[in-house]
Amino acid sequence: MPQYIISFDEGAMTFPMSELADVSDAAHGVVREAQAAGAWVFGAGLTDHEQASIVSTNGDVKNGGHVANKQYLGGFAVVDVSSRDEAVMWAAKIAVACRCAQEVRELLHDPDM
């Protein structure tokens, strides 16, 4: 089955901190539902982009994210489902739980790997 990444931008979750427990409970509920359905592969939030390290093609390391970027990945989930429509359905549940829009993209696996 195809796998999809469902993601959101850093800073997209703009609810009041007093609602964090409710958002966390709702998000964990969607994860449990996706696990029970056999769709959940993996998911995580990411640290702030300023904590990233950029490694160039010659191996040089620069701390901090790409300064030219205006958007950074804030978190993601990977689901293994039968169709794009099913991935969008999970994205909709995550969007409601996390109170922010989600992007859905199919993962392109290398058949030689």
PDB file of N, CA and C in Angstrom:
ATOM      1  N   MET A   1       0.846  -1.187   0.000  1.00  0.00           N
ATOM      2  CA  MET A   1       0.000   0.000   0.000  1.00  0.00           C
ATOM      3  C   MET A   1       0.884   1.241   0.000  1.00  0.00           C
ATOM      4  N   PRO A   2       0.369   2.307  -0.577  1.00  0.00           N
ATOM      5  CA  PRO A   2       1.161   3.546  -0.564  1.00  0.00           C
ATOM      6  C   PRO A   2       1.215   4.156   0.832  1.00  0.00           C
ATOM      7  N   GLN A   3       2.284   4.890   1.066  1.00  0.00           N
ATOM      8  CA  GLN A   3       2.430   5.621   2.317  1.00  0.00           C
ATOM      9  C   GLN A   3       2.381   7.112   2.014  1.00  0.00           C
ATOM     10  N   TYR A   4       1.827   7.850   2.953  1.00  0.00           N
ATOM     11  CA  TYR A   4       1.681   9.296   2.813  1.00  0.00           C
ATOM     12  C   TYR A   4       2.242   9.977   4.049  1.00  0.00           C
ATOM     13  N   ILE A   5       2.823  11.151   3.834  1.00  0.00           N
ATOM     14  CA  ILE A   5       3.237  11.988   4.952  1.00  0.00           C
ATOM     15  C   ILE A   5       2.183  13.085   5.100  1.00  0.00           C
ATOM     16  N   ILE A   6       1.724  13.242   6.306  1.00  0.00           N
ATOM     17  CA  ILE A   6       0.761  14.290   6.663  1.00  0.00           C
ATOM     18  C   ILE A   6       1.538  15.244   7.550  1.00  0.00           C
ATOM     19  N   SER A   7       1.630  16.516   7.152  1.00  0.00           N
ATOM     20  CA  SER A   7       2.509  17.424   7.888  1.00  0.00           C
ATOM     21  C   SER A   7       1.874  18.801   8.067  1.00  0.00           C
ATOM     22  N   PHE A   8       2.478  19.540   8.986  1.00  0.00           N
ATOM     23  CA  PHE A   8       2.042  20.917   9.214  1.00  0.00           C
ATOM     24  C   PHE A   8       3.262  21.796   9.409  1.00  0.00           C
ATOM     25  N   ASP A   9       3.081  23.077   9.148  1.00  0.00           N
ATOM     26  CA  ASP A   9       4.173  24.042   9.266  1.00  0.00           C
ATOM     27  C   ASP A   9       4.423  24.419  10.723  1.00  0.00           C
ATOM     28  N   GLU A  10       5.691  24.690  11.018  1.00  0.00           N
ATOM     29  CA  GLU A  10       6.074  25.204  12.324  1.00  0.00           C
ATOM     30  C   GLU A  10       5.291  26.490  12.582  1.00  0.00           C
ATOM     31  N   GLY A  11       4.744  26.613  13.757  1.00  0.00           N
ATOM     32  CA  GLY A  11       3.990  27.810  14.120  1.00  0.00           C
ATOM     33  C   GLY A  11       2.529  27.773  13.713  1.00  0.00           C
ATOM     34  N   ALA A  12       2.094  26.688  13.057  1.00  0.00           N
ATOM     35  CA  ALA A  12       0.705  26.622  12.591  1.00  0.00           C
ATOM     36  C   ALA A  12      -0.278  26.360  13.724  1.00  0.00           C
ATOM     37  N   MET A  13       0.191  25.755  14.796  1.00  0.00           N
ATOM     38  CA  MET A  13      -0.682  25.464  15.929  1.00  0.00           C
ATOM     39  C   MET A  13      -0.718  26.705  16.826  1.00  0.00           C
ATOM     40  N   THR A  14      -1.778  27.478  16.705  1.00  0.00           N
ATOM     41  CA  THR A  14      -1.824  28.787  17.367  1.00  0.00           C
ATOM     42  C   THR A  14      -2.901  28.884  18.438  1.00  0.00           C
ATOM     43  N   PHE A  15      -3.290  27.781  19.009  1.00  0.00           N
ATOM     44  CA  PHE A  15      -4.296  27.806  20.069  1.00  0.00           C
ATOM     45  C   PHE A  15      -3.667  28.319  21.368  1.00  0.00           C
ATOM     46  N   PRO A  16      -4.488  28.776  22.306  1.00  0.00           N
ATOM     47  CA  PRO A  16      -3.954  29.228  23.602  1.00  0.00           C
ATOM     48  C   PRO A  16      -3.309  28.066  24.360  1.00  0.00           C
ATOM     49  N   MET A  17      -2.231  28.325  25.063  1.00  0.00           N
ATOM     50  CA  MET A  17      -1.526  27.282  25.813  1.00  0.00           C
ATOM     51  C   MET A  17      -2.436  26.598  26.832  1.00  0.00           C
ATOM     52  N   SER A  18      -3.462  27.302  27.293  1.00  0.00           N
ATOM     53  CA  SER A  18      -4.392  26.703  28.249  1.00  0.00           C
ATOM     54  C   SER A  18      -5.167  25.536  27.624  1.00  0.00           C
ATOM     55  N   GLU A  19      -5.154  25.424  26.288  1.00  0.00           N
ATOM     56  CA  GLU A  19      -5.863  24.355  25.594  1.00  0.00           C
ATOM     57  C   GLU A  19      -4.934  23.223  25.164  1.00  0.00           C
ATOM     58  N   LEU A  20      -3.659  23.292  25.528  1.00  0.00           N
ATOM     59  CA  LEU A  20      -2.681  22.296  25.104  1.00  0.00           C
ATOM     60  C   LEU A  20      -3.080  20.881  25.505  1.00  0.00           C
ATOM     61  N   ALA A  21      -3.545  20.701  26.719  1.00  0.00           N
ATOM     62  CA  ALA A  21      -3.925  19.351  27.178  1.00  0.00           C
ATOM     63  C   ALA A  21      -5.059  18.787  26.329  1.00  0.00           C
ATOM     64  N   ASP A  22      -6.052  19.634  25.985  1.00  0.00           N
ATOM     65  CA  ASP A  22      -7.162  19.182  25.146  1.00  0.00           C
ATOM     66  C   ASP A  22      -6.682  18.808  23.746  1.00  0.00           C
ATOM     67  N   VAL A  23      -5.795  19.625  23.172  1.00  0.00           N
ATOM     68  CA  VAL A  23      -5.256  19.343  21.834  1.00  0.00           C
ATOM     69  C   VAL A  23      -4.433  18.059  21.874  1.00  0.00           C
ATOM     70  N   SER A  24      -3.624  17.905  22.890  1.00  0.00           N
ATOM     71  CA  SER A  24      -2.803  16.703  23.029  1.00  0.00           C
ATOM     72  C   SER A  24      -3.681  15.459  23.155  1.00  0.00           C
ATOM     73  N   ASP A  25      -4.708  15.521  23.971  1.00  0.00           N
ATOM     74  CA  ASP A  25      -5.623  14.389  24.124  1.00  0.00           C
ATOM     75  C   ASP A  25      -6.305  14.048  22.802  1.00  0.00           C
ATOM     76  N   ALA A  26      -6.742  15.067  22.076  1.00  0.00           N
ATOM     77  CA  ALA A  26      -7.413  14.841  20.787  1.00  0.00           C
ATOM     78  C   ALA A  26      -6.449  14.222  19.775  1.00  0.00           C
ATOM     79  N   ALA A  27      -5.222  14.738  19.718  1.00  0.00           N
ATOM     80  CA  ALA A  27      -4.223  14.204  18.780  1.00  0.00           C
ATOM     81  C   ALA A  27      -3.881  12.759  19.122  1.00  0.00           C
ATOM     82  N   HIS A  28      -3.698  12.472  20.419  1.00  0.00           N
ATOM     83  CA  HIS A  28      -3.399  11.098  20.827  1.00  0.00           C
ATOM     84  C   HIS A  28      -4.564  10.167  20.491  1.00  0.00           C
ATOM     85  N   GLY A  29      -5.782  10.680  20.571  1.00  0.00           N
ATOM     86  CA  GLY A  29      -6.953   9.881  20.200  1.00  0.00           C
ATOM     87  C   GLY A  29      -6.933   9.499  18.726  1.00  0.00           C
ATOM     88  N   VAL A  30      -6.554  10.443  17.863  1.00  0.00           N
ATOM     89  CA  VAL A  30      -6.456  10.145  16.430  1.00  0.00           C
ATOM     90  C   VAL A  30      -5.348   9.119  16.181  1.00  0.00           C
ATOM     91  N   VAL A  31      -4.224   9.269  16.868  1.00  0.00           N
ATOM     92  CA  VAL A  31      -3.131   8.301  16.715  1.00  0.00           C
ATOM     93  C   VAL A  31      -3.606   6.906  17.116  1.00  0.00           C
ATOM     94  N   ARG A  32      -4.280   6.798  18.239  1.00  0.00           N
ATOM     95  CA  ARG A  32      -4.778   5.491  18.682  1.00  0.00           C
ATOM     96  C   ARG A  32      -5.758   4.906  17.665  1.00  0.00           C
ATOM     97  N   GLU A  33      -6.608   5.762  17.102  1.00  0.00           N
ATOM     98  CA  GLU A  33      -7.567   5.313  16.092  1.00  0.00           C
ATOM     99  C   GLU A  33      -6.846   4.814  14.841  1.00  0.00           C
ATOM    100  N   ALA A  34      -5.824   5.559  14.399  1.00  0.00           N
ATOM    101  CA  ALA A  34      -5.052   5.157  13.213  1.00  0.00           C
ATOM    102  C   ALA A  34      -4.273   3.872  13.493  1.00  0.00           C
ATOM    103  N   GLN A  35      -3.755   3.725  14.703  1.00  0.00           N
ATOM    104  CA  GLN A  35      -3.054   2.484  15.067  1.00  0.00           C
ATOM    105  C   GLN A  35      -4.016   1.299  15.032  1.00  0.00           C
ATOM    106  N   ALA A  36      -5.200   1.472  15.593  1.00  0.00           N
ATOM    107  CA  ALA A  36      -6.194   0.397  15.616  1.00  0.00           C
ATOM    108  C   ALA A  36      -6.625   0.005  14.201  1.00  0.00           C
ATOM    109  N   ALA A  37      -6.630   0.981  13.290  1.00  0.00           N
ATOM    110  CA  ALA A  37      -7.012   0.723  11.901  1.00  0.00           C
ATOM    111  C   ALA A  37      -5.863   0.149  11.076  1.00  0.00           C
ATOM    112  N   GLY A  38      -4.663   0.087  11.681  1.00  0.00           N
ATOM    113  CA  GLY A  38      -3.508  -0.424  10.957  1.00  0.00           C
ATOM    114  C   GLY A  38      -2.910   0.561   9.973  1.00  0.00           C
ATOM    115  N   ALA A  39      -3.266   1.843  10.104  1.00  0.00           N
ATOM    116  CA  ALA A  39      -2.791   2.866   9.168  1.00  0.00           C
ATOM    117  C   ALA A  39      -1.562   3.611   9.676  1.00  0.00           C
ATOM    118  N   TRP A  40      -1.355   3.640  10.982  1.00  0.00           N
ATOM    119  CA  TRP A  40      -0.283   4.442  11.576  1.00  0.00           C
ATOM    120  C   TRP A  40       1.070   3.795  11.356  1.00  0.00           C
ATOM    121  N   VAL A  41       2.045   4.579  10.856  1.00  0.00           N
ATOM    122  CA  VAL A  41       3.423   4.115  10.729  1.00  0.00           C
ATOM    123  C   VAL A  41       4.295   4.810  11.762  1.00  0.00           C
ATOM    124  N   PHE A  42       4.274   6.142  11.736  1.00  0.00           N
ATOM    125  CA  PHE A  42       5.139   6.908  12.623  1.00  0.00           C
ATOM    126  C   PHE A  42       4.724   8.365  12.568  1.00  0.00           C
ATOM    127  N   GLY A  43       4.975   9.092  13.632  1.00  0.00           N
ATOM    128  CA  GLY A  43       4.719  10.522  13.638  1.00  0.00           C
ATOM    129  C   GLY A  43       5.528  11.194  14.724  1.00  0.00           C
ATOM    130  N   ALA A  44       5.761  12.503  14.571  1.00  0.00           N
ATOM    131  CA  ALA A  44       6.526  13.248  15.561  1.00  0.00           C
ATOM    132  C   ALA A  44       6.407  14.739  15.305  1.00  0.00           C
ATOM    133  N   GLY A  45       6.600  15.494  16.363  1.00  0.00           N
ATOM    134  CA  GLY A  45       6.808  16.926  16.229  1.00  0.00           C
ATOM    135  C   GLY A  45       8.303  17.168  16.087  1.00  0.00           C
ATOM    136  N   LEU A  46       8.673  18.326  15.620  1.00  0.00           N
ATOM    137  CA  LEU A  46      10.078  18.655  15.425  1.00  0.00           C
ATOM    138  C   LEU A  46      10.481  19.839  16.286  1.00  0.00           C
ATOM    139  N   THR A  47      11.753  19.883  16.663  1.00  0.00           N
ATOM    140  CA  THR A  47      12.270  21.037  17.387  1.00  0.00           C
ATOM    141  C   THR A  47      12.228  22.257  16.469  1.00  0.00           C
ATOM    142  N   ASP A  48      12.371  23.415  17.051  1.00  0.00           N
ATOM    143  CA  ASP A  48      12.383  24.667  16.308  1.00  0.00           C
ATOM    144  C   ASP A  48      13.450  24.628  15.220  1.00  0.00           C
ATOM    145  N   HIS A  49      13.160  25.222  14.061  1.00  0.00           N
ATOM    146  CA  HIS A  49      14.097  25.185  12.928  1.00  0.00           C
ATOM    147  C   HIS A  49      15.451  25.810  13.263  1.00  0.00           C
ATOM    148  N   GLU A  50      15.472  26.702  14.231  1.00  0.00           N
ATOM    149  CA  GLU A  50      16.740  27.334  14.613  1.00  0.00           C
ATOM    150  C   GLU A  50      17.689  26.350  15.291  1.00  0.00           C
ATOM    151  N   GLN A  51      17.179  25.185  15.692  1.00  0.00           N
ATOM    152  CA  GLN A  51      18.014  24.156  16.300  1.00  0.00           C
ATOM    153  C   GLN A  51      18.505  23.138  15.268  1.00  0.00           C
ATOM    154  N   ALA A  52      18.164  23.345  14.003  1.00  0.00           N
ATOM    155  CA  ALA A  52      18.587  22.428  12.943  1.00  0.00           C
ATOM    156  C   ALA A  52      20.055  22.640  12.597  1.00  0.00           C
ATOM    157  N   SER A  53      20.670  21.629  12.015  1.00  0.00           N
ATOM    158  CA  SER A  53      22.013  21.733  11.457  1.00  0.00           C
ATOM    159  C   SER A  53      21.913  21.469   9.961  1.00  0.00           C
ATOM    160  N   ILE A  54      22.549  22.311   9.178  1.00  0.00           N
ATOM    161  CA  ILE A  54      22.578  22.154   7.725  1.00  0.00           C
ATOM    162  C   ILE A  54      23.946  21.587   7.360  1.00  0.00           C
ATOM    163  N   VAL A  55      23.939  20.443   6.702  1.00  0.00           N
ATOM    164  CA  VAL A  55      25.184  19.794   6.292  1.00  0.00           C
ATOM    165  C   VAL A  55      25.298  19.939   4.775  1.00  0.00           C
ATOM    166  N   SER A  56      26.356  20.612   4.318  1.00  0.00           N
ATOM    167  CA  SER A  56      26.542  20.856   2.882  1.00  0.00           C
ATOM    168  C   SER A  56      27.108  19.621   2.185  1.00  0.00           C
ATOM    169  N   THR A  57      27.160  19.684   0.875  1.00  0.00           N
ATOM    170  CA  THR A  57      27.663  18.555   0.094  1.00  0.00           C
ATOM    171  C   THR A  57      29.134  18.257   0.362  1.00  0.00           C
ATOM    172  N   ASN A  58      29.873  19.208   0.879  1.00  0.00           N
ATOM    173  CA  ASN A  58      31.292  18.950   1.215  1.00  0.00           C
ATOM    174  C   ASN A  58      31.476  18.580   2.681  1.00  0.00           C
ATOM    175  N   GLY A  59      30.372  18.451   3.407  1.00  0.00           N
ATOM    176  CA  GLY A  59      30.444  18.033   4.799  1.00  0.00           C
ATOM    177  C   GLY A  59      30.483  19.157   5.809  1.00  0.00           C
ATOM    178  N   ASP A  60      30.562  20.409   5.350  1.00  0.00           N
ATOM    179  CA  ASP A  60      30.542  21.533   6.283  1.00  0.00           C
ATOM    180  C   ASP A  60      29.195  21.571   7.002  1.00  0.00           C
ATOM    181  N   VAL A  61      29.233  21.943   8.274  1.00  0.00           N
ATOM    182  CA  VAL A  61      28.025  21.990   9.089  1.00  0.00           C
ATOM    183  C   VAL A  61      27.771  23.421   9.524  1.00  0.00           C
ATOM    184  N   LYS A  62      26.528  23.871   9.325  1.00  0.00           N
ATOM    185  CA  LYS A  62      26.104  25.196   9.775  1.00  0.00           C
ATOM    186  C   LYS A  62      24.918  24.972  10.704  1.00  0.00           C
ATOM    187  N   ASN A  63      24.999  25.519  11.895  1.00  0.00           N
ATOM    188  CA  ASN A  63      23.888  25.390  12.834  1.00  0.00           C
ATOM    189  C   ASN A  63      22.849  26.457  12.559  1.00  0.00           C
ATOM    190  N   GLY A  64      21.587  26.075  12.704  1.00  0.00           N
ATOM    191  CA  GLY A  64      20.470  26.949  12.363  1.00  0.00           C
ATOM    192  C   GLY A  64      19.880  26.492  11.050  1.00  0.00           C
ATOM    193  N   GLY A  65      18.595  26.717  10.869  1.00  0.00           N
ATOM    194  CA  GLY A  65      17.925  26.284   9.642  1.00  0.00           C
ATOM    195  C   GLY A  65      18.297  27.127   8.441  1.00  0.00           C
ATOM    196  N   HIS A  66      17.755  26.733   7.304  1.00  0.00           N
ATOM    197  CA  HIS A  66      17.949  27.516   6.079  1.00  0.00           C
ATOM    198  C   HIS A  66      17.322  28.892   6.280  1.00  0.00           C
ATOM    199  N   VAL A  67      18.118  29.937   6.220  1.00  0.00           N
ATOM    200  CA  VAL A  67      17.594  31.278   6.488  1.00  0.00           C
ATOM    201  C   VAL A  67      16.685  31.768   5.362  1.00  0.00           C
ATOM    202  N   ALA A  68      16.831  31.246   4.156  1.00  0.00           N
ATOM    203  CA  ALA A  68      16.003  31.691   3.038  1.00  0.00           C
ATOM    204  C   ALA A  68      14.583  31.144   3.124  1.00  0.00           C
ATOM    205  N   ASN A  69      14.376  30.076   3.895  1.00  0.00           N
ATOM    206  CA  ASN A  69      13.044  29.499   4.018  1.00  0.00           C
ATOM    207  C   ASN A  69      12.128  30.405   4.825  1.00  0.00           C
ATOM    208  N   LYS A  70      10.869  30.413   4.438  1.00  0.00           N
ATOM    209  CA  LYS A  70       9.872  31.162   5.193  1.00  0.00           C
ATOM    210  C   LYS A  70       8.951  30.216   5.953  1.00  0.00           C
ATOM    211  N   GLN A  71       8.957  28.945   5.547  1.00  0.00           N
ATOM    212  CA  GLN A  71       8.155  27.945   6.231  1.00  0.00           C
ATOM    213  C   GLN A  71       9.051  26.769   6.584  1.00  0.00           C
ATOM    214  N   TYR A  72       8.758  26.182   7.730  1.00  0.00           N
ATOM    215  CA  TYR A  72       9.538  25.049   8.217  1.00  0.00           C
ATOM    216  C   TYR A  72       8.578  23.976   8.685  1.00  0.00           C
ATOM    217  N   LEU A  73       8.976  22.736   8.527  1.00  0.00           N
ATOM    218  CA  LEU A  73       8.167  21.621   8.969  1.00  0.00           C
ATOM    219  C   LEU A  73       8.075  21.634  10.490  1.00  0.00           C
ATOM    220  N   GLY A  74       6.857  21.543  11.009  1.00  0.00           N
ATOM    221  CA  GLY A  74       6.655  21.558  12.455  1.00  0.00           C
ATOM    222  C   GLY A  74       6.414  20.178  13.035  1.00  0.00           C
ATOM    223  N   GLY A  75       5.853  19.294  12.228  1.00  0.00           N
ATOM    224  CA  GLY A  75       5.573  17.935  12.673  1.00  0.00           C
ATOM    225  C   GLY A  75       4.962  17.144  11.543  1.00  0.00           C
ATOM    226  N   PHE A  76       4.871  15.829  11.732  1.00  0.00           N
ATOM    227  CA  PHE A  76       4.382  14.982  10.652  1.00  0.00           C
ATOM    228  C   PHE A  76       3.861  13.657  11.191  1.00  0.00           C
ATOM    229  N   ALA A  77       3.112  12.987  10.348  1.00  0.00           N
ATOM    230  CA  ALA A  77       2.682  11.612  10.576  1.00  0.00           C
ATOM    231  C   ALA A  77       2.841  10.879   9.255  1.00  0.00           C
ATOM    232  N   VAL A  78       3.199   9.618   9.324  1.00  0.00           N
ATOM    233  CA  VAL A  78       3.250   8.776   8.136  1.00  0.00           C
ATOM    234  C   VAL A  78       2.172   7.715   8.296  1.00  0.00           C
ATOM    235  N   VAL A  79       1.321   7.596   7.277  1.00  0.00           N
ATOM    236  CA  VAL A  79       0.263   6.586   7.289  1.00  0.00           C
ATOM    237  C   VAL A  79       0.440   5.665   6.088  1.00  0.00           C
ATOM    238  N   ASP A  80       0.065   4.422   6.270  1.00  0.00           N
ATOM    239  CA  ASP A  80       0.127   3.389   5.238  1.00  0.00           C
ATOM    240  C   ASP A  80      -1.318   3.009   4.933  1.00  0.00           C
ATOM    241  N   VAL A  81      -1.828   3.502   3.811  1.00  0.00           N
ATOM    242  CA  VAL A  81      -3.249   3.373   3.503  1.00  0.00           C
ATOM    243  C   VAL A  81      -3.438   2.942   2.049  1.00  0.00           C
ATOM    244  N   SER A  82      -4.656   2.616   1.697  1.00  0.00           N
ATOM    245  CA  SER A  82      -4.923   2.096   0.355  1.00  0.00           C
ATOM    246  C   SER A  82      -5.075   3.172  -0.708  1.00  0.00           C
ATOM    247  N   SER A  83      -5.322   4.421  -0.292  1.00  0.00           N
ATOM    248  CA  SER A  83      -5.562   5.461  -1.304  1.00  0.00           C
ATOM    249  C   SER A  83      -5.262   6.857  -0.752  1.00  0.00           C
ATOM    250  N   ARG A  84      -5.129   7.789  -1.683  1.00  0.00           N
ATOM    251  CA  ARG A  84      -4.954   9.198  -1.309  1.00  0.00           C
ATOM    252  C   ARG A  84      -6.175   9.687  -0.530  1.00  0.00           C
ATOM    253  N   ASP A  85      -7.351   9.248  -0.934  1.00  0.00           N
ATOM    254  CA  ASP A  85      -8.570   9.655  -0.223  1.00  0.00           C
ATOM    255  C   ASP A  85      -8.525   9.235   1.247  1.00  0.00           C
ATOM    256  N   GLU A  86      -8.001   8.040   1.509  1.00  0.00           N
ATOM    257  CA  GLU A  86      -7.900   7.590   2.900  1.00  0.00           C
ATOM    258  C   GLU A  86      -6.867   8.420   3.664  1.00  0.00           C
ATOM    259  N   ALA A  87      -5.763   8.774   2.997  1.00  0.00           N
ATOM    260  CA  ALA A  87      -4.758   9.642   3.635  1.00  0.00           C
ATOM    261  C   ALA A  87      -5.359  11.001   3.959  1.00  0.00           C
ATOM    262  N   VAL A  88      -6.162  11.533   3.046  1.00  0.00           N
ATOM    263  CA  VAL A  88      -6.821  12.826   3.274  1.00  0.00           C
ATOM    264  C   VAL A  88      -7.809  12.724   4.434  1.00  0.00           C
ATOM    265  N   MET A  89      -8.471  11.592   4.558  1.00  0.00           N
ATOM    266  CA  MET A  89      -9.401  11.394   5.670  1.00  0.00           C
ATOM    267  C   MET A  89      -8.640  11.453   7.004  1.00  0.00           C
ATOM    268  N   TRP A  90      -7.466  10.791   7.084  1.00  0.00           N
ATOM    269  CA  TRP A  90      -6.666  10.858   8.310  1.00  0.00           C
ATOM    270  C   TRP A  90      -6.147  12.273   8.537  1.00  0.00           C
ATOM    271  N   ALA A  91      -5.751  12.954   7.469  1.00  0.00           N
ATOM    272  CA  ALA A  91      -5.283  14.342   7.594  1.00  0.00           C
ATOM    273  C   ALA A  91      -6.388  15.232   8.154  1.00  0.00           C
ATOM    274  N   ALA A  92      -7.611  15.003   7.732  1.00  0.00           N
ATOM    275  CA  ALA A  92      -8.733  15.796   8.238  1.00  0.00           C
ATOM    276  C   ALA A  92      -8.912  15.574   9.739  1.00  0.00           C
ATOM    277  N   LYS A  93      -8.788  14.336  10.182  1.00  0.00           N
ATOM    278  CA  LYS A  93      -8.916  14.047  11.615  1.00  0.00           C
ATOM    279  C   LYS A  93      -7.783  14.708  12.402  1.00  0.00           C
ATOM    280  N   ILE A  94      -6.573  14.658  11.853  1.00  0.00           N
ATOM    281  CA  ILE A  94      -5.430  15.291  12.515  1.00  0.00           C
ATOM    282  C   ILE A  94      -5.610  16.807  12.546  1.00  0.00           C
ATOM    283  N   ALA A  95      -6.101  17.384  11.450  1.00  0.00           N
ATOM    284  CA  ALA A  95      -6.313  18.834  11.389  1.00  0.00           C
ATOM    285  C   ALA A  95      -7.289  19.293  12.463  1.00  0.00           C
ATOM    286  N   VAL A  96      -8.362  18.547  12.636  1.00  0.00           N
ATOM    287  CA  VAL A  96      -9.341  18.896  13.674  1.00  0.00           C
ATOM    288  C   VAL A  96      -8.708  18.779  15.054  1.00  0.00           C
ATOM    289  N   ALA A  97      -8.006  17.667  15.298  1.00  0.00           N
ATOM    290  CA  ALA A  97      -7.409  17.434  16.615  1.00  0.00           C
ATOM    291  C   ALA A  97      -6.343  18.475  16.949  1.00  0.00           C
ATOM    292  N   CYS A  98      -5.500  18.788  15.974  1.00  0.00           N
ATOM    293  CA  CYS A  98      -4.370  19.704  16.208  1.00  0.00           C
ATOM    294  C   CYS A  98      -4.711  21.165  15.940  1.00  0.00           C
ATOM    295  N   ARG A  99      -5.889  21.391  15.403  1.00  0.00           N
ATOM    296  CA  ARG A  99      -6.379  22.747  15.134  1.00  0.00           C
ATOM    297  C   ARG A  99      -5.491  23.517  14.162  1.00  0.00           C
ATOM    298  N   CYS A 100      -4.988  22.796  13.144  1.00  0.00           N
ATOM    299  CA  CYS A 100      -4.233  23.471  12.092  1.00  0.00           C
ATOM    300  C   CYS A 100      -4.284  22.641  10.806  1.00  0.00           C
ATOM    301  N   ALA A 101      -4.144  23.319   9.696  1.00  0.00           N
ATOM    302  CA  ALA A 101      -4.181  22.675   8.385  1.00  0.00           C
ATOM    303  C   ALA A 101      -3.050  21.663   8.244  1.00  0.00           C
ATOM    304  N   GLN A 102      -3.293  20.635   7.456  1.00  0.00           N
ATOM    305  CA  GLN A 102      -2.324  19.568   7.218  1.00  0.00           C
ATOM    306  C   GLN A 102      -2.082  19.417   5.712  1.00  0.00           C
ATOM    307  N   GLU A 103      -0.859  19.117   5.354  1.00  0.00           N
ATOM    308  CA  GLU A 103      -0.500  18.851   3.959  1.00  0.00           C
ATOM    309  C   GLU A 103      -0.349  17.346   3.794  1.00  0.00           C
ATOM    310  N   VAL A 104      -0.833  16.809   2.672  1.00  0.00           N
ATOM    311  CA  VAL A 104      -0.752  15.379   2.391  1.00  0.00           C
ATOM    312  C   VAL A 104       0.083  15.179   1.131  1.00  0.00           C
ATOM    313  N   ARG A 105       1.130  14.348   1.250  1.00  0.00           N
ATOM    314  CA  ARG A 105       1.977  14.029   0.098  1.00  0.00           C
ATOM    315  C   ARG A 105       2.332  12.559   0.135  1.00  0.00           C
ATOM    316  N   GLU A 106       2.303  11.918  -1.033  1.00  0.00           N
ATOM    317  CA  GLU A 106       2.677  10.515  -1.111  1.00  0.00           C
ATOM    318  C   GLU A 106       4.189  10.367  -1.031  1.00  0.00           C
ATOM    319  N   LEU A 107       4.639   9.364  -0.293  1.00  0.00           N
ATOM    320  CA  LEU A 107       6.068   9.058  -0.232  1.00  0.00           C
ATOM    321  C   LEU A 107       6.428   8.239  -1.464  1.00  0.00           C
ATOM    322  N   LEU A 108       7.503   8.597  -2.107  1.00  0.00           N
ATOM    323  CA  LEU A 108       7.961   7.890  -3.299  1.00  0.00           C
ATOM    324  C   LEU A 108       9.088   6.948  -2.908  1.00  0.00           C
ATOM    325  N   HIS A 109       8.794   5.669  -2.886  1.00  0.00           N
ATOM    326  CA  HIS A 109       9.785   4.687  -2.483  1.00  0.00           C
ATOM    327  C   HIS A 109      10.598   4.256  -3.687  1.00  0.00           C
ATOM    328  N   ASP A 110      11.886   4.045  -3.485  1.00  0.00           N
ATOM    329  CA  ASP A 110      12.786   3.561  -4.510  1.00  0.00           C
ATOM    330  C   ASP A 110      12.639   2.038  -4.597  1.00  0.00           C
ATOM    331  N   PRO A 111      12.161   1.508  -5.729  1.00  0.00           N
ATOM    332  CA  PRO A 111      11.945   0.058  -5.819  1.00  0.00           C
ATOM    333  C   PRO A 111      13.243  -0.746  -5.713  1.00  0.00           C
ATOM    334  N   ASP A 112      14.377  -0.115  -5.889  1.00  0.00           N
ATOM    335  CA  ASP A 112      15.654  -0.821  -5.798  1.00  0.00           C
ATOM    336  C   ASP A 112      16.187  -0.869  -4.374  1.00  0.00           C
ATOM    337  N   MET A 113      15.500  -0.275  -3.437  1.00  0.00           N
ATOM    338  CA  MET A 113      15.993  -0.241  -2.048  1.00  0.00           C
ATOM    339  C   MET A 113      15.152  -1.143  -1.168  1.00  0.00           C
TER     340      MET A 113
END
